[in-house]
Protein backbone atom coordinates (compact mmCIF):
# COMPACT_ATOMS: atom_id res chain seq x y z
CA UNK A 1 52.00 60.87 135.11
CA UNK A 2 49.21 60.20 132.78
CA UNK A 3 46.09 58.46 134.03
CA UNK A 4 46.88 55.55 131.36
CA UNK A 5 50.30 55.12 132.84
CA UNK A 6 49.02 55.07 136.42
CA UNK A 7 46.26 52.53 135.55
CA UNK A 8 48.92 50.37 133.85
CA UNK A 9 51.32 50.59 136.85
CA UNK A 10 48.60 49.74 139.31
CA UNK A 11 47.37 46.87 137.28
CA UNK A 12 50.87 45.48 136.76
CA UNK A 13 51.53 45.61 140.47
CA UNK A 14 48.47 43.61 141.19
CA UNK A 15 49.37 41.01 138.61
CA UNK A 16 52.94 40.74 140.05
CA UNK A 17 51.62 40.48 143.63
CA UNK A 18 48.73 38.21 142.66
CA UNK A 19 46.33 40.24 144.84
CA UNK A 20 44.27 43.38 144.61
CA UNK A 21 40.88 44.70 144.02
CA UNK A 22 40.86 44.47 140.21
CA UNK A 23 42.09 40.85 140.48
CA UNK A 24 39.36 40.07 142.95
CA UNK A 25 36.68 41.62 140.75
CA UNK A 26 37.96 39.63 137.74
CA UNK A 27 38.00 36.40 139.61
CA UNK A 28 34.59 36.88 141.33
CA UNK A 29 32.90 38.56 138.43
CA UNK A 30 31.64 41.20 140.96
CA UNK A 31 32.11 44.89 141.77
CA UNK A 32 34.89 45.68 144.25
CA UNK A 33 35.01 49.24 145.56
CA UNK A 34 37.94 51.19 147.14
CA UNK A 35 36.23 54.43 147.75
CA UNK A 36 39.26 56.07 149.65
CA UNK A 37 42.79 54.89 148.88
CA UNK A 38 44.05 56.93 151.68
CA UNK A 39 42.05 54.82 154.29
CA UNK A 40 41.42 51.39 152.74
CA UNK A 41 42.02 48.40 155.06
CA UNK A 42 41.25 45.50 152.70
CA UNK A 43 43.98 46.32 150.08
CA UNK A 44 46.38 48.45 152.06
CA UNK A 45 49.48 47.88 149.73
CA UNK A 46 47.57 48.49 146.67
CA UNK A 47 45.78 51.51 148.18
CA UNK A 48 49.04 53.08 149.32
CA UNK A 49 50.55 52.70 145.77
CA UNK A 50 47.47 54.03 144.23
CA UNK A 51 47.36 57.02 146.44
CA UNK A 52 50.94 57.84 145.60
CA UNK A 53 49.93 57.80 141.88
CA UNK A 54 47.20 60.32 142.64
CA UNK A 55 44.31 57.84 142.56
CA UNK A 56 41.70 58.61 145.13
CA UNK A 57 39.21 55.79 144.48
CA UNK A 58 38.93 52.56 142.30
CA UNK A 59 35.90 50.72 141.16
CA UNK A 60 36.80 47.44 139.39
CA UNK A 61 33.95 45.49 137.85
CA UNK A 62 34.33 41.81 136.93
CA UNK A 63 33.44 40.61 133.49
CA UNK A 64 31.34 37.48 133.31
CA UNK A 65 33.49 35.50 131.01
CA UNK A 66 33.06 31.74 129.79
CA UNK A 67 35.77 29.18 129.76
CA UNK A 68 37.61 30.40 132.89
CA UNK A 69 38.82 33.60 131.13
CA UNK A 70 39.14 36.29 133.67
CA UNK A 71 38.58 39.96 132.84
CA UNK A 72 37.58 43.15 134.46
CA UNK A 73 37.21 46.84 133.89
CA UNK A 74 38.81 49.24 136.28
CA UNK A 75 37.76 52.89 136.76
CA UNK A 76 40.39 54.94 138.57
CA UNK A 77 39.23 58.30 139.92
CA UNK A 78 41.67 61.16 140.54
CA UNK A 79 39.34 63.49 142.14
CA UNK A 80 37.47 63.31 145.55
CA UNK A 81 34.29 62.05 144.06
CA UNK A 82 33.39 58.33 144.09
CA UNK A 83 31.21 56.59 141.55
CA UNK A 84 27.53 56.67 142.46
CA UNK A 85 25.54 53.53 142.24
CA UNK A 86 23.91 54.44 138.95
CA UNK A 87 27.40 54.82 137.47
CA UNK A 88 28.35 51.52 138.74
CA UNK A 89 25.24 49.86 137.35
CA UNK A 90 26.07 51.35 133.97
CA UNK A 91 29.60 50.11 134.24
CA UNK A 92 28.29 46.62 135.02
CA UNK A 93 25.96 46.69 132.00
CA UNK A 94 29.07 47.87 129.71
CA UNK A 95 31.15 45.16 131.35
CA UNK A 96 28.57 42.41 130.41
CA UNK A 97 28.40 43.65 126.83
CA UNK A 98 32.24 43.95 126.56
CA UNK A 99 32.40 40.39 127.92
CA UNK A 100 30.32 39.16 125.12
CA UNK A 101 32.39 40.79 122.57
CA UNK A 102 35.57 39.44 124.13
CA UNK A 103 34.14 35.99 124.43
CA UNK A 104 33.11 36.13 120.75
CA UNK A 105 36.64 37.11 119.78
CA UNK A 106 38.06 34.36 121.82
CA UNK A 107 35.89 31.74 120.24
CA UNK A 108 36.67 33.17 116.75
CA UNK A 109 40.46 33.14 117.43
CA UNK A 110 40.03 29.53 118.77
CA UNK A 111 38.17 28.48 115.64
CA UNK A 112 40.84 30.07 113.31
CA UNK A 113 43.56 28.24 115.32
CA UNK A 114 41.78 24.98 115.20
CA UNK A 115 41.19 25.26 111.37
CA UNK A 116 44.85 26.04 110.89
CA UNK A 117 45.80 23.03 113.14
CA UNK A 118 43.35 20.76 111.19
CA UNK A 119 44.76 21.87 107.84
CA UNK A 120 48.34 21.07 109.05
CA UNK A 121 47.22 17.83 110.30
CA UNK A 122 45.67 16.92 107.05
CA UNK A 123 48.71 17.89 105.02
CA UNK A 124 50.83 15.90 107.60
CA UNK A 125 48.69 12.90 107.27
CA UNK A 126 48.79 12.96 103.49
CA UNK A 127 52.67 13.05 103.36
CA UNK A 128 52.84 10.40 106.15
CA UNK A 129 50.63 8.05 104.11
CA UNK A 130 52.64 8.69 100.96
CA UNK A 131 55.92 7.97 102.88
CA UNK A 132 54.39 4.75 104.19
CA UNK A 133 53.59 3.67 100.58
CA UNK A 134 57.16 4.42 99.48
CA UNK A 135 58.58 2.44 102.45
CA UNK A 136 56.15 -0.47 101.85
CA UNK A 137 57.40 -0.75 98.28
CA UNK A 138 61.04 -0.19 99.09
CA UNK A 139 61.35 -2.28 102.14
CA UNK A 140 58.82 -4.89 101.30
CA UNK A 141 57.02 -4.44 104.66
CA UNK A 142 53.49 -3.84 105.98
CA UNK A 143 52.12 -0.30 106.35
CA UNK A 144 52.37 -0.68 110.11
CA UNK A 145 56.06 -1.63 109.88
CA UNK A 146 56.63 1.30 107.60
CA UNK A 147 55.16 3.63 110.03
CA UNK A 148 57.13 2.11 113.00
CA UNK A 149 60.27 2.66 110.88
CA UNK A 150 59.53 6.35 110.47
CA UNK A 151 58.71 6.79 114.17
CA UNK A 152 62.06 5.32 115.05
CA UNK A 153 63.86 7.60 112.49
CA UNK A 154 61.85 10.55 114.10
CA UNK A 155 62.89 9.66 117.58
CA UNK A 156 66.49 8.95 116.66
CA UNK A 157 66.92 12.14 114.70
CA UNK A 158 64.84 14.27 117.08
CA UNK A 159 62.70 15.48 114.31
CA UNK A 160 58.96 15.65 113.59
CA UNK A 161 57.53 12.58 111.95
CA UNK A 162 55.99 14.86 109.23
CA UNK A 163 59.56 16.01 108.32
CA UNK A 164 60.88 12.47 108.12
CA UNK A 165 58.02 11.56 105.88
CA UNK A 166 58.47 14.68 103.69
CA UNK A 167 62.18 13.66 103.25
CA UNK A 168 61.23 10.15 102.24
CA UNK A 169 58.65 11.36 99.74
CA UNK A 170 61.03 13.90 98.27
CA UNK A 171 63.89 11.23 97.93
CA UNK A 172 61.47 8.94 96.18
CA UNK A 173 60.48 11.76 93.71
CA UNK A 174 64.15 12.31 92.81
CA UNK A 175 64.75 8.52 92.23
């Protein structure tokens, strides 16, 4: 089994069980050590599975992430050596920089999504306002009554208000 497959298997087991050193590190933002999977008492189920995969030790490092996003970096060792404190400190530094990159990506993706949603909302608002105008003229009602009319149609047909408004505007354009 490749180390990548073993790591994926171990991570998936923890996610499925909702418990393990990697999840604890991600939730706490701290370092959690399992220096000997053959003798670990804190995570016995995880340690037994890890040992069967050939993993001798595990050092998960939590990533300090904003907005309640959880993350961590896991180092799985397949030999008898454990990571020394200097290596763990370097791993923590790397994790803090990686957390910044992930947080920036998350913010960027959120901004892109918000921008797309605002663009859709602006387009929806425009067509809804046009449809209200069509209904005011054709039904001889107030803009509020026209909007209420479209809302009722939307609920009755189980369609989005924007779709109802688009249909009204298209019908008016063909007339």
